[in-house]
Amino acid sequence: MPRMWWVVGVVVLAAIFSAYLGWTAQRVERLHMRAQSGERALDAHLMRRAAAAAVVAEQNESVELYAAARLALDAEPGDRESAENDLTRQLQTVDLDPTDPAARTLIATSRRVVLARQVHTDLVRDALSARRRVLVRLLGLNRRYPRPEYFDIVEPILPDLPPALPTPTHPPKGVLPTAPV
């Protein structure tokens, strides 16, 4: 009878350990997938910013800004950081009018780039932290996924956007409010 308790104890410990391993493997996979999706989102925002910068460059007839925007749009993955940093430097030399719709789009997309980069940085940090765990390294749970990399670019300093027009909270005069049905 006492031997049976040892067997039951070992089986319970093995079940707990295998459940923990499964949970850890899922966490590593989930963190890597999130880091990859954060990278794709950042890439999409960078493309939108470069396209908006090209439109502003055409309107302002700025050859340097247009060239930097085209380089950012056409950059290979290895050259992407330097191309985006060049575009940011060119954007800081251009005087943007926040009332111009193209400039507003550029300012808004640049702000989204900053947010997407922060999210991407957080996701990469979490994935790298999971990769550094002893059990993950010991069992090779991180070998299936490419090592996520930080995307290091200079954050642009852009003018503030004027506030949007307030929306009325009450109906205009002469219009009767409708009662809920």
N, C-alpha and C. Protein backbone atom coordinates (compact mmCIF):
# COMPACT_ATOMS: atom_id res chain seq x y z
N MET A 1 0.80 -1.19 0.00
CA MET A 1 0.00 0.00 0.00
C MET A 1 0.85 1.28 0.00
N PRO A 2 1.93 1.41 0.79
CA PRO A 2 2.74 2.63 0.75
C PRO A 2 3.40 2.85 -0.60
N ARG A 3 3.75 1.74 -1.30
CA ARG A 3 4.36 1.91 -2.63
C ARG A 3 3.39 2.57 -3.59
N MET A 4 2.14 2.25 -3.44
CA MET A 4 1.13 2.82 -4.34
C MET A 4 1.09 4.34 -4.19
N TRP A 5 1.25 4.86 -2.97
CA TRP A 5 1.24 6.31 -2.77
C TRP A 5 2.44 6.97 -3.44
N TRP A 6 3.58 6.28 -3.44
CA TRP A 6 4.74 6.81 -4.14
C TRP A 6 4.47 6.88 -5.64
N VAL A 7 3.87 5.84 -6.18
CA VAL A 7 3.56 5.82 -7.61
C VAL A 7 2.56 6.91 -7.95
N VAL A 8 1.53 7.06 -7.13
CA VAL A 8 0.53 8.11 -7.36
C VAL A 8 1.19 9.49 -7.26
N GLY A 9 2.06 9.67 -6.28
CA GLY A 9 2.76 10.95 -6.13
C GLY A 9 3.63 11.27 -7.33
N VAL A 10 4.36 10.28 -7.82
CA VAL A 10 5.22 10.49 -8.99
C VAL A 10 4.37 10.81 -10.22
N VAL A 11 3.26 10.11 -10.39
CA VAL A 11 2.38 10.36 -11.54
C VAL A 11 1.80 11.76 -11.46
N VAL A 12 1.39 12.18 -10.27
CA VAL A 12 0.83 13.54 -10.10
C VAL A 12 1.90 14.58 -10.40
N LEU A 13 3.11 14.38 -9.89
CA LEU A 13 4.19 15.34 -10.16
C LEU A 13 4.53 15.37 -11.65
N ALA A 14 4.54 14.22 -12.30
CA ALA A 14 4.82 14.18 -13.74
C ALA A 14 3.71 14.90 -14.51
N ALA A 15 2.47 14.75 -14.09
CA ALA A 15 1.36 15.43 -14.76
C ALA A 15 1.46 16.94 -14.57
N ILE A 16 1.80 17.37 -13.37
CA ILE A 16 1.96 18.81 -13.10
C ILE A 16 3.13 19.37 -13.91
N PHE A 17 4.25 18.66 -13.94
CA PHE A 17 5.41 19.12 -14.69
C PHE A 17 5.11 19.18 -16.20
N SER A 18 4.42 18.18 -16.73
CA SER A 18 4.10 18.20 -18.16
C SER A 18 3.10 19.31 -18.48
N ALA A 19 2.16 19.58 -17.57
CA ALA A 19 1.23 20.69 -17.79
C ALA A 19 1.98 22.02 -17.79
N TYR A 20 2.95 22.15 -16.87
CA TYR A 20 3.76 23.37 -16.84
C TYR A 20 4.59 23.51 -18.12
N LEU A 21 5.15 22.43 -18.61
CA LEU A 21 5.91 22.47 -19.86
C LEU A 21 5.02 22.87 -21.03
N GLY A 22 3.83 22.32 -21.08
CA GLY A 22 2.90 22.68 -22.15
C GLY A 22 2.51 24.14 -22.08
N TRP A 23 2.26 24.63 -20.88
CA TRP A 23 1.91 26.03 -20.70
C TRP A 23 3.08 26.93 -21.11
N THR A 24 4.30 26.55 -20.72
CA THR A 24 5.48 27.34 -21.08
C THR A 24 5.69 27.34 -22.59
N ALA A 25 5.54 26.21 -23.23
CA ALA A 25 5.70 26.15 -24.69
C ALA A 25 4.66 27.01 -25.39
N GLN A 26 3.43 26.98 -24.90
CA GLN A 26 2.38 27.83 -25.49
C GLN A 26 2.70 29.30 -25.28
N ARG A 27 3.21 29.64 -24.10
CA ARG A 27 3.54 31.05 -23.82
C ARG A 27 4.65 31.53 -24.74
N VAL A 28 5.68 30.71 -24.92
CA VAL A 28 6.78 31.10 -25.81
C VAL A 28 6.25 31.29 -27.23
N GLU A 29 5.42 30.38 -27.69
CA GLU A 29 4.86 30.50 -29.03
C GLU A 29 3.98 31.74 -29.15
N ARG A 30 3.13 31.96 -28.17
CA ARG A 30 2.23 33.12 -28.21
C ARG A 30 3.01 34.44 -28.21
N LEU A 31 4.05 34.52 -27.38
CA LEU A 31 4.85 35.75 -27.33
C LEU A 31 5.58 36.00 -28.65
N HIS A 32 6.07 34.94 -29.28
CA HIS A 32 6.74 35.11 -30.56
C HIS A 32 5.75 35.52 -31.66
N MET A 33 4.55 34.95 -31.64
CA MET A 33 3.54 35.33 -32.63
C MET A 33 3.12 36.79 -32.43
N ARG A 34 2.97 37.19 -31.19
CA ARG A 34 2.62 38.59 -30.92
C ARG A 34 3.73 39.53 -31.36
N ALA A 35 4.98 39.15 -31.13
CA ALA A 35 6.11 39.99 -31.57
C ALA A 35 6.12 40.11 -33.10
N GLN A 36 5.83 39.01 -33.79
CA GLN A 36 5.78 39.05 -35.25
C GLN A 36 4.63 39.92 -35.73
N SER A 37 3.47 39.84 -35.09
CA SER A 37 2.35 40.68 -35.50
C SER A 37 2.63 42.15 -35.17
N GLY A 38 3.33 42.41 -34.07
CA GLY A 38 3.73 43.79 -33.76
C GLY A 38 4.70 44.33 -34.79
N GLU A 39 5.58 43.47 -35.28
CA GLU A 39 6.52 43.88 -36.34
C GLU A 39 5.77 44.20 -37.64
N ARG A 40 4.79 43.38 -37.97
CA ARG A 40 4.00 43.64 -39.18
C ARG A 40 3.20 44.93 -39.06
N ALA A 41 2.64 45.18 -37.88
CA ALA A 41 1.88 46.42 -37.66
C ALA A 41 2.81 47.64 -37.76
N LEU A 42 3.98 47.54 -37.17
CA LEU A 42 4.94 48.64 -37.27
C LEU A 42 5.34 48.87 -38.71
N ASP A 43 5.58 47.81 -39.45
CA ASP A 43 5.93 47.93 -40.86
C ASP A 43 4.82 48.62 -41.65
N ALA A 44 3.58 48.26 -41.38
CA ALA A 44 2.45 48.89 -42.08
C ALA A 44 2.37 50.38 -41.76
N HIS A 45 2.57 50.75 -40.51
CA HIS A 45 2.53 52.17 -40.14
C HIS A 45 3.71 52.93 -40.75
N LEU A 46 4.87 52.29 -40.82
CA LEU A 46 6.02 52.95 -41.45
C LEU A 46 5.77 53.18 -42.93
N MET A 47 5.13 52.22 -43.59
CA MET A 47 4.80 52.38 -45.01
C MET A 47 3.81 53.53 -45.22
N ARG A 48 2.80 53.59 -44.35
CA ARG A 48 1.82 54.68 -44.45
C ARG A 48 2.50 56.04 -44.24
N ARG A 49 3.42 56.09 -43.28
CA ARG A 49 4.11 57.35 -43.01
C ARG A 49 4.97 57.76 -44.21
N ALA A 50 5.67 56.80 -44.81
CA ALA A 50 6.51 57.11 -45.97
C ALA A 50 5.65 57.58 -47.15
N ALA A 51 4.50 56.93 -47.34
CA ALA A 51 3.61 57.35 -48.43
C ALA A 51 3.06 58.75 -48.17
N ALA A 52 2.68 59.03 -46.92
CA ALA A 52 2.18 60.37 -46.59
C ALA A 52 3.29 61.41 -46.73
N ALA A 53 4.52 61.04 -46.39
CA ALA A 53 5.65 61.96 -46.55
C ALA A 53 5.91 62.24 -48.03
N ALA A 54 5.73 61.24 -48.88
CA ALA A 54 5.91 61.45 -50.31
C ALA A 54 4.87 62.42 -50.85
N VAL A 55 3.64 62.31 -50.37
CA VAL A 55 2.59 63.25 -50.80
C VAL A 55 2.91 64.67 -50.36
N VAL A 56 3.33 64.83 -49.12
CA VAL A 56 3.70 66.16 -48.62
C VAL A 56 4.90 66.70 -49.40
N ALA A 57 5.86 65.84 -49.71
CA ALA A 57 7.04 66.28 -50.46
C ALA A 57 6.65 66.74 -51.86
N GLU A 58 5.72 66.06 -52.48
CA GLU A 58 5.27 66.50 -53.81
C GLU A 58 4.55 67.84 -53.74
N GLN A 59 3.74 68.03 -52.70
CA GLN A 59 3.04 69.31 -52.56
C GLN A 59 4.00 70.46 -52.28
N ASN A 60 5.01 70.20 -51.44
CA ASN A 60 5.97 71.25 -51.08
C ASN A 60 7.15 71.32 -52.03
N GLU A 61 7.19 70.42 -53.01
CA GLU A 61 8.29 70.35 -53.97
C GLU A 61 9.64 70.20 -53.26
N SER A 62 9.68 69.32 -52.27
CA SER A 62 10.89 69.05 -51.51
C SER A 62 11.52 67.76 -52.05
N VAL A 63 12.62 67.94 -52.79
CA VAL A 63 13.27 66.80 -53.42
C VAL A 63 13.90 65.88 -52.37
N GLU A 64 14.51 66.45 -51.34
CA GLU A 64 15.17 65.64 -50.32
C GLU A 64 14.16 64.79 -49.55
N LEU A 65 13.02 65.39 -49.19
CA LEU A 65 12.00 64.64 -48.47
C LEU A 65 11.42 63.54 -49.34
N TYR A 66 11.20 63.84 -50.62
CA TYR A 66 10.66 62.83 -51.53
C TYR A 66 11.64 61.66 -51.69
N ALA A 67 12.92 61.99 -51.81
CA ALA A 67 13.94 60.94 -51.96
C ALA A 67 14.01 60.07 -50.70
N ALA A 68 13.94 60.70 -49.54
CA ALA A 68 13.97 59.94 -48.29
C ALA A 68 12.73 59.06 -48.16
N ALA A 69 11.57 59.58 -48.57
CA ALA A 69 10.34 58.79 -48.51
C ALA A 69 10.41 57.60 -49.47
N ARG A 70 10.92 57.81 -50.67
CA ARG A 70 11.05 56.70 -51.63
C ARG A 70 12.04 55.65 -51.14
N LEU A 71 13.13 56.11 -50.53
CA LEU A 71 14.11 55.16 -49.98
C LEU A 71 13.49 54.33 -48.85
N ALA A 72 12.67 54.98 -48.02
CA ALA A 72 12.01 54.25 -46.94
C ALA A 72 10.99 53.25 -47.49
N LEU A 73 10.30 53.63 -48.56
CA LEU A 73 9.33 52.72 -49.16
C LEU A 73 10.00 51.52 -49.83
N ASP A 74 11.16 51.74 -50.44
CA ASP A 74 11.83 50.70 -51.22
C ASP A 74 12.94 49.98 -50.46
N ALA A 75 13.14 50.29 -49.17
CA ALA A 75 14.28 49.74 -48.42
C ALA A 75 14.12 48.24 -48.17
N GLU A 76 15.24 47.56 -48.22
CA GLU A 76 15.29 46.14 -47.88
C GLU A 76 15.24 46.02 -46.35
N PRO A 77 14.88 44.86 -45.82
CA PRO A 77 14.76 44.72 -44.36
C PRO A 77 16.03 45.11 -43.59
N GLY A 78 17.19 44.83 -44.11
CA GLY A 78 18.43 45.18 -43.41
C GLY A 78 18.73 46.66 -43.39
N ASP A 79 18.24 47.38 -44.38
CA ASP A 79 18.50 48.82 -44.49
C ASP A 79 17.34 49.66 -44.01
N ARG A 80 16.33 49.03 -43.49
CA ARG A 80 15.09 49.74 -43.16
C ARG A 80 15.26 50.76 -42.04
N GLU A 81 16.02 50.41 -41.00
CA GLU A 81 16.19 51.34 -39.88
C GLU A 81 16.86 52.63 -40.32
N SER A 82 17.93 52.52 -41.09
CA SER A 82 18.63 53.74 -41.52
C SER A 82 17.77 54.56 -42.47
N ALA A 83 17.00 53.91 -43.34
CA ALA A 83 16.12 54.64 -44.25
C ALA A 83 15.03 55.38 -43.47
N GLU A 84 14.47 54.73 -42.47
CA GLU A 84 13.43 55.39 -41.66
C GLU A 84 14.03 56.53 -40.83
N ASN A 85 15.26 56.36 -40.33
CA ASN A 85 15.90 57.45 -39.59
C ASN A 85 16.19 58.63 -40.51
N ASP A 86 16.59 58.37 -41.76
CA ASP A 86 16.80 59.46 -42.72
C ASP A 86 15.49 60.20 -43.00
N LEU A 87 14.41 59.43 -43.15
CA LEU A 87 13.10 60.05 -43.37
C LEU A 87 12.70 60.90 -42.18
N THR A 88 12.95 60.43 -40.98
CA THR A 88 12.61 61.21 -39.78
C THR A 88 13.42 62.50 -39.74
N ARG A 89 14.70 62.43 -40.07
CA ARG A 89 15.53 63.64 -40.09
C ARG A 89 15.02 64.64 -41.13
N GLN A 90 14.62 64.15 -42.29
CA GLN A 90 14.07 65.03 -43.33
C GLN A 90 12.74 65.63 -42.88
N LEU A 91 11.92 64.86 -42.19
CA LEU A 91 10.63 65.38 -41.72
C LEU A 91 10.83 66.49 -40.70
N GLN A 92 11.89 66.41 -39.92
CA GLN A 92 12.13 67.45 -38.91
C GLN A 92 12.62 68.75 -39.53
N THR A 93 13.10 68.71 -40.77
CA THR A 93 13.55 69.94 -41.44
C THR A 93 12.43 70.63 -42.20
N VAL A 94 11.32 69.92 -42.42
CA VAL A 94 10.21 70.47 -43.19
C VAL A 94 9.24 71.16 -42.25
N ASP A 95 8.78 72.34 -42.67
CA ASP A 95 7.78 73.08 -41.89
C ASP A 95 6.40 72.59 -42.31
N LEU A 96 5.73 71.87 -41.42
CA LEU A 96 4.42 71.30 -41.72
C LEU A 96 3.32 72.21 -41.21
N ASP A 97 2.32 72.43 -42.06
CA ASP A 97 1.15 73.23 -41.69
C ASP A 97 0.07 72.28 -41.19
N PRO A 98 -0.27 72.31 -39.91
CA PRO A 98 -1.25 71.37 -39.37
C PRO A 98 -2.66 71.52 -39.95
N THR A 99 -2.93 72.61 -40.67
CA THR A 99 -4.25 72.76 -41.26
C THR A 99 -4.34 72.11 -42.64
N ASP A 100 -3.19 71.79 -43.24
CA ASP A 100 -3.18 71.11 -44.53
C ASP A 100 -3.56 69.65 -44.33
N PRO A 101 -4.51 69.11 -45.10
CA PRO A 101 -4.93 67.72 -44.91
C PRO A 101 -3.80 66.71 -45.10
N ALA A 102 -2.92 66.92 -46.05
CA ALA A 102 -1.80 65.99 -46.26
C ALA A 102 -0.84 66.03 -45.08
N ALA A 103 -0.58 67.23 -44.56
CA ALA A 103 0.30 67.35 -43.40
C ALA A 103 -0.35 66.75 -42.16
N ARG A 104 -1.66 66.93 -42.02
CA ARG A 104 -2.37 66.31 -40.90
C ARG A 104 -2.25 64.78 -40.96
N THR A 105 -2.39 64.24 -42.16
CA THR A 105 -2.26 62.79 -42.33
C THR A 105 -0.86 62.34 -41.95
N LEU A 106 0.15 63.10 -42.38
CA LEU A 106 1.53 62.75 -42.06
C LEU A 106 1.79 62.82 -40.56
N ILE A 107 1.27 63.85 -39.91
CA ILE A 107 1.46 63.98 -38.46
C ILE A 107 0.76 62.83 -37.73
N ALA A 108 -0.44 62.52 -38.16
CA ALA A 108 -1.19 61.43 -37.51
C ALA A 108 -0.50 60.08 -37.72
N THR A 109 -0.02 59.82 -38.93
CA THR A 109 0.65 58.54 -39.17
C THR A 109 1.98 58.47 -38.42
N SER A 110 2.65 59.60 -38.27
CA SER A 110 3.90 59.61 -37.50
C SER A 110 3.63 59.30 -36.04
N ARG A 111 2.53 59.79 -35.52
CA ARG A 111 2.18 59.47 -34.13
C ARG A 111 1.85 57.99 -33.99
N ARG A 112 1.19 57.43 -35.00
CA ARG A 112 0.88 56.00 -34.95
C ARG A 112 2.15 55.16 -35.03
N VAL A 113 3.14 55.65 -35.77
CA VAL A 113 4.43 54.95 -35.85
C VAL A 113 5.07 54.90 -34.46
N VAL A 114 5.02 56.00 -33.74
CA VAL A 114 5.61 56.04 -32.40
C VAL A 114 4.91 55.03 -31.49
N LEU A 115 3.59 54.99 -31.55
CA LEU A 115 2.85 54.03 -30.72
C LEU A 115 3.13 52.59 -31.14
N ALA A 116 3.15 52.34 -32.44
CA ALA A 116 3.41 50.98 -32.93
C ALA A 116 4.82 50.54 -32.55
N ARG A 117 5.77 51.45 -32.57
CA ARG A 117 7.13 51.10 -32.17
C ARG A 117 7.19 50.78 -30.69
N GLN A 118 6.47 51.52 -29.86
CA GLN A 118 6.45 51.22 -28.42
C GLN A 118 5.84 49.85 -28.15
N VAL A 119 4.75 49.55 -28.84
CA VAL A 119 4.11 48.24 -28.67
C VAL A 119 5.06 47.14 -29.14
N HIS A 120 5.69 47.35 -30.29
CA HIS A 120 6.62 46.35 -30.82
C HIS A 120 7.79 46.13 -29.85
N THR A 121 8.31 47.20 -29.30
CA THR A 121 9.41 47.09 -28.35
C THR A 121 8.99 46.28 -27.11
N ASP A 122 7.80 46.54 -26.61
CA ASP A 122 7.31 45.79 -25.45
C ASP A 122 7.15 44.30 -25.78
N LEU A 123 6.60 44.00 -26.96
CA LEU A 123 6.39 42.61 -27.34
C LEU A 123 7.72 41.88 -27.55
N VAL A 124 8.68 42.55 -28.15
CA VAL A 124 10.01 41.93 -28.34
C VAL A 124 10.67 41.69 -26.99
N ARG A 125 10.55 42.66 -26.09
CA ARG A 125 11.14 42.49 -24.77
C ARG A 125 10.53 41.28 -24.05
N ASP A 126 9.22 41.12 -24.14
CA ASP A 126 8.57 39.98 -23.50
C ASP A 126 9.00 38.65 -24.13
N ALA A 127 9.10 38.62 -25.46
CA ALA A 127 9.52 37.38 -26.13
C ALA A 127 10.96 37.04 -25.78
N LEU A 128 11.83 38.03 -25.74
CA LEU A 128 13.22 37.77 -25.38
C LEU A 128 13.35 37.33 -23.92
N SER A 129 12.51 37.88 -23.07
CA SER A 129 12.50 37.46 -21.67
C SER A 129 12.09 36.00 -21.55
N ALA A 130 11.10 35.59 -22.31
CA ALA A 130 10.67 34.19 -22.29
C ALA A 130 11.75 33.28 -22.84
N ARG A 131 12.48 33.74 -23.85
CA ARG A 131 13.56 32.93 -24.44
C ARG A 131 14.70 32.71 -23.46
N ARG A 132 14.92 33.66 -22.54
CA ARG A 132 16.04 33.58 -21.61
C ARG A 132 15.79 32.65 -20.42
N ARG A 133 14.58 32.20 -20.25
CA ARG A 133 14.30 31.31 -19.12
C ARG A 133 15.10 30.02 -19.26
N VAL A 134 15.55 29.52 -18.14
CA VAL A 134 16.43 28.35 -18.12
C VAL A 134 15.74 27.14 -18.73
N LEU A 135 14.50 26.89 -18.35
CA LEU A 135 13.79 25.72 -18.85
C LEU A 135 13.55 25.80 -20.36
N VAL A 136 13.28 27.00 -20.84
CA VAL A 136 13.06 27.19 -22.28
C VAL A 136 14.35 26.92 -23.05
N ARG A 137 15.47 27.42 -22.54
CA ARG A 137 16.75 27.17 -23.20
C ARG A 137 17.18 25.71 -23.09
N LEU A 138 16.94 25.13 -21.93
CA LEU A 138 17.34 23.75 -21.69
C LEU A 138 16.60 22.78 -22.61
N LEU A 139 15.32 23.00 -22.80
CA LEU A 139 14.52 22.11 -23.64
C LEU A 139 14.46 22.56 -25.10
N GLY A 140 15.06 23.68 -25.42
CA GLY A 140 15.10 24.15 -26.80
C GLY A 140 13.75 24.60 -27.34
N LEU A 141 12.89 25.13 -26.48
CA LEU A 141 11.57 25.56 -26.91
C LEU A 141 11.61 26.80 -27.80
N ASN A 142 12.74 27.50 -27.79
CA ASN A 142 12.85 28.72 -28.58
C ASN A 142 13.49 28.50 -29.95
N ARG A 143 13.89 27.29 -30.26
CA ARG A 143 14.57 27.02 -31.53
C ARG A 143 13.64 27.09 -32.72
N ARG A 144 12.36 26.89 -32.50
CA ARG A 144 11.39 26.88 -33.61
C ARG A 144 11.12 28.27 -34.16
N TYR A 145 11.46 29.31 -33.41
CA TYR A 145 11.09 30.67 -33.77
C TYR A 145 12.33 31.53 -33.98
N PRO A 146 12.30 32.41 -34.97
CA PRO A 146 13.43 33.33 -35.13
C PRO A 146 13.47 34.30 -33.95
N ARG A 147 14.66 34.69 -33.60
CA ARG A 147 14.84 35.62 -32.48
C ARG A 147 14.28 36.99 -32.87
N PRO A 148 13.31 37.52 -32.12
CA PRO A 148 12.77 38.84 -32.46
C PRO A 148 13.82 39.93 -32.23
N GLU A 149 13.78 40.93 -33.07
CA GLU A 149 14.75 42.02 -33.00
C GLU A 149 14.04 43.35 -32.74
N TYR A 150 14.70 44.21 -32.01
CA TYR A 150 14.18 45.55 -31.80
C TYR A 150 14.30 46.35 -33.08
N PHE A 151 13.43 47.33 -33.27
CA PHE A 151 13.50 48.23 -34.41
C PHE A 151 13.80 49.61 -33.84
N ASP A 152 15.03 50.05 -34.00
CA ASP A 152 15.51 51.26 -33.35
C ASP A 152 15.49 52.43 -34.33
N ILE A 153 14.51 53.32 -34.16
CA ILE A 153 14.43 54.51 -35.00
C ILE A 153 14.26 55.73 -34.10
N VAL A 154 14.60 56.88 -34.66
CA VAL A 154 14.47 58.15 -33.97
C VAL A 154 13.00 58.55 -34.02
N GLU A 155 12.48 59.01 -32.88
CA GLU A 155 11.09 59.45 -32.85
C GLU A 155 11.00 60.88 -33.37
N PRO A 156 10.07 61.12 -34.28
CA PRO A 156 9.95 62.46 -34.86
C PRO A 156 9.34 63.46 -33.88
N ILE A 157 9.77 64.70 -34.01
CA ILE A 157 9.17 65.80 -33.25
C ILE A 157 8.34 66.59 -34.25
N LEU A 158 7.03 66.50 -34.12
CA LEU A 158 6.12 67.11 -35.08
C LEU A 158 5.19 68.08 -34.36
N PRO A 159 4.62 69.03 -35.10
CA PRO A 159 3.72 70.00 -34.46
C PRO A 159 2.43 69.33 -33.99
N ASP A 160 1.78 69.98 -33.04
CA ASP A 160 0.51 69.48 -32.55
C ASP A 160 -0.58 69.72 -33.58
N LEU A 161 -1.53 68.82 -33.60
CA LEU A 161 -2.68 69.00 -34.48
C LEU A 161 -3.68 69.90 -33.79
N PRO A 162 -4.32 70.81 -34.55
CA PRO A 162 -5.36 71.63 -33.92
C PRO A 162 -6.51 70.72 -33.49
N PRO A 163 -7.23 71.12 -32.44
CA PRO A 163 -8.31 70.26 -31.98
C PRO A 163 -9.41 70.13 -33.03
N ALA A 164 -10.04 68.98 -33.02
CA ALA A 164 -11.14 68.75 -33.95
C ALA A 164 -12.35 69.56 -33.50
N LEU A 165 -13.24 69.82 -34.43
CA LEU A 165 -14.45 70.57 -34.10
C LEU A 165 -15.31 69.75 -33.15
N PRO A 166 -15.88 70.41 -32.11
CA PRO A 166 -16.72 69.66 -31.18
C PRO A 166 -18.02 69.22 -31.85
N THR A 167 -18.48 68.07 -31.46
CA THR A 167 -19.75 67.59 -31.99
C THR A 167 -20.86 68.02 -31.05
N PRO A 168 -22.00 68.45 -31.59
CA PRO A 168 -23.08 68.92 -30.71
C PRO A 168 -23.67 67.76 -29.92
N THR A 169 -23.99 68.06 -28.66
CA THR A 169 -24.57 67.03 -27.81
C THR A 169 -26.09 67.08 -27.78
N HIS A 170 -26.65 68.15 -28.31
CA HIS A 170 -28.10 68.28 -28.35
C HIS A 170 -28.53 68.52 -29.80
N PRO A 171 -29.78 68.19 -30.14
CA PRO A 171 -30.22 68.38 -31.53
C PRO A 171 -30.33 69.86 -31.87
N PRO A 172 -30.15 70.20 -33.15
CA PRO A 172 -30.28 71.61 -33.55
C PRO A 172 -31.71 72.10 -33.30
N LYS A 173 -31.84 73.43 -33.29
CA LYS A 173 -33.16 74.04 -33.06
C LYS A 173 -34.10 73.65 -34.19
N GLY A 174 -35.33 73.38 -33.85
CA GLY A 174 -36.32 73.04 -34.84
C GLY A 174 -36.44 71.55 -35.08
N VAL A 175 -35.51 70.75 -34.53
CA VAL A 175 -35.56 69.31 -34.70
C VAL A 175 -35.97 68.70 -33.36
N LEU A 176 -37.05 67.96 -33.38
CA LEU A 176 -37.52 67.35 -32.16
C LEU A 176 -36.78 66.05 -31.91
N PRO A 177 -36.37 65.84 -30.68
CA PRO A 177 -35.70 64.57 -30.39
C PRO A 177 -36.69 63.40 -30.50
N THR A 178 -36.22 62.28 -30.97
CA THR A 178 -37.10 61.13 -31.08
C THR A 178 -37.05 60.32 -29.81
N ALA A 179 -38.19 59.80 -29.46
CA ALA A 179 -38.29 58.98 -28.25
C ALA A 179 -37.89 57.54 -28.60
N PRO A 180 -37.27 56.86 -27.66
CA PRO A 180 -36.91 55.46 -27.94
C PRO A 180 -38.17 54.62 -28.09
N VAL A 181 -38.10 53.69 -29.01
CA VAL A 181 -39.26 52.84 -29.30
C VAL A 181 -39.20 51.58 -28.51
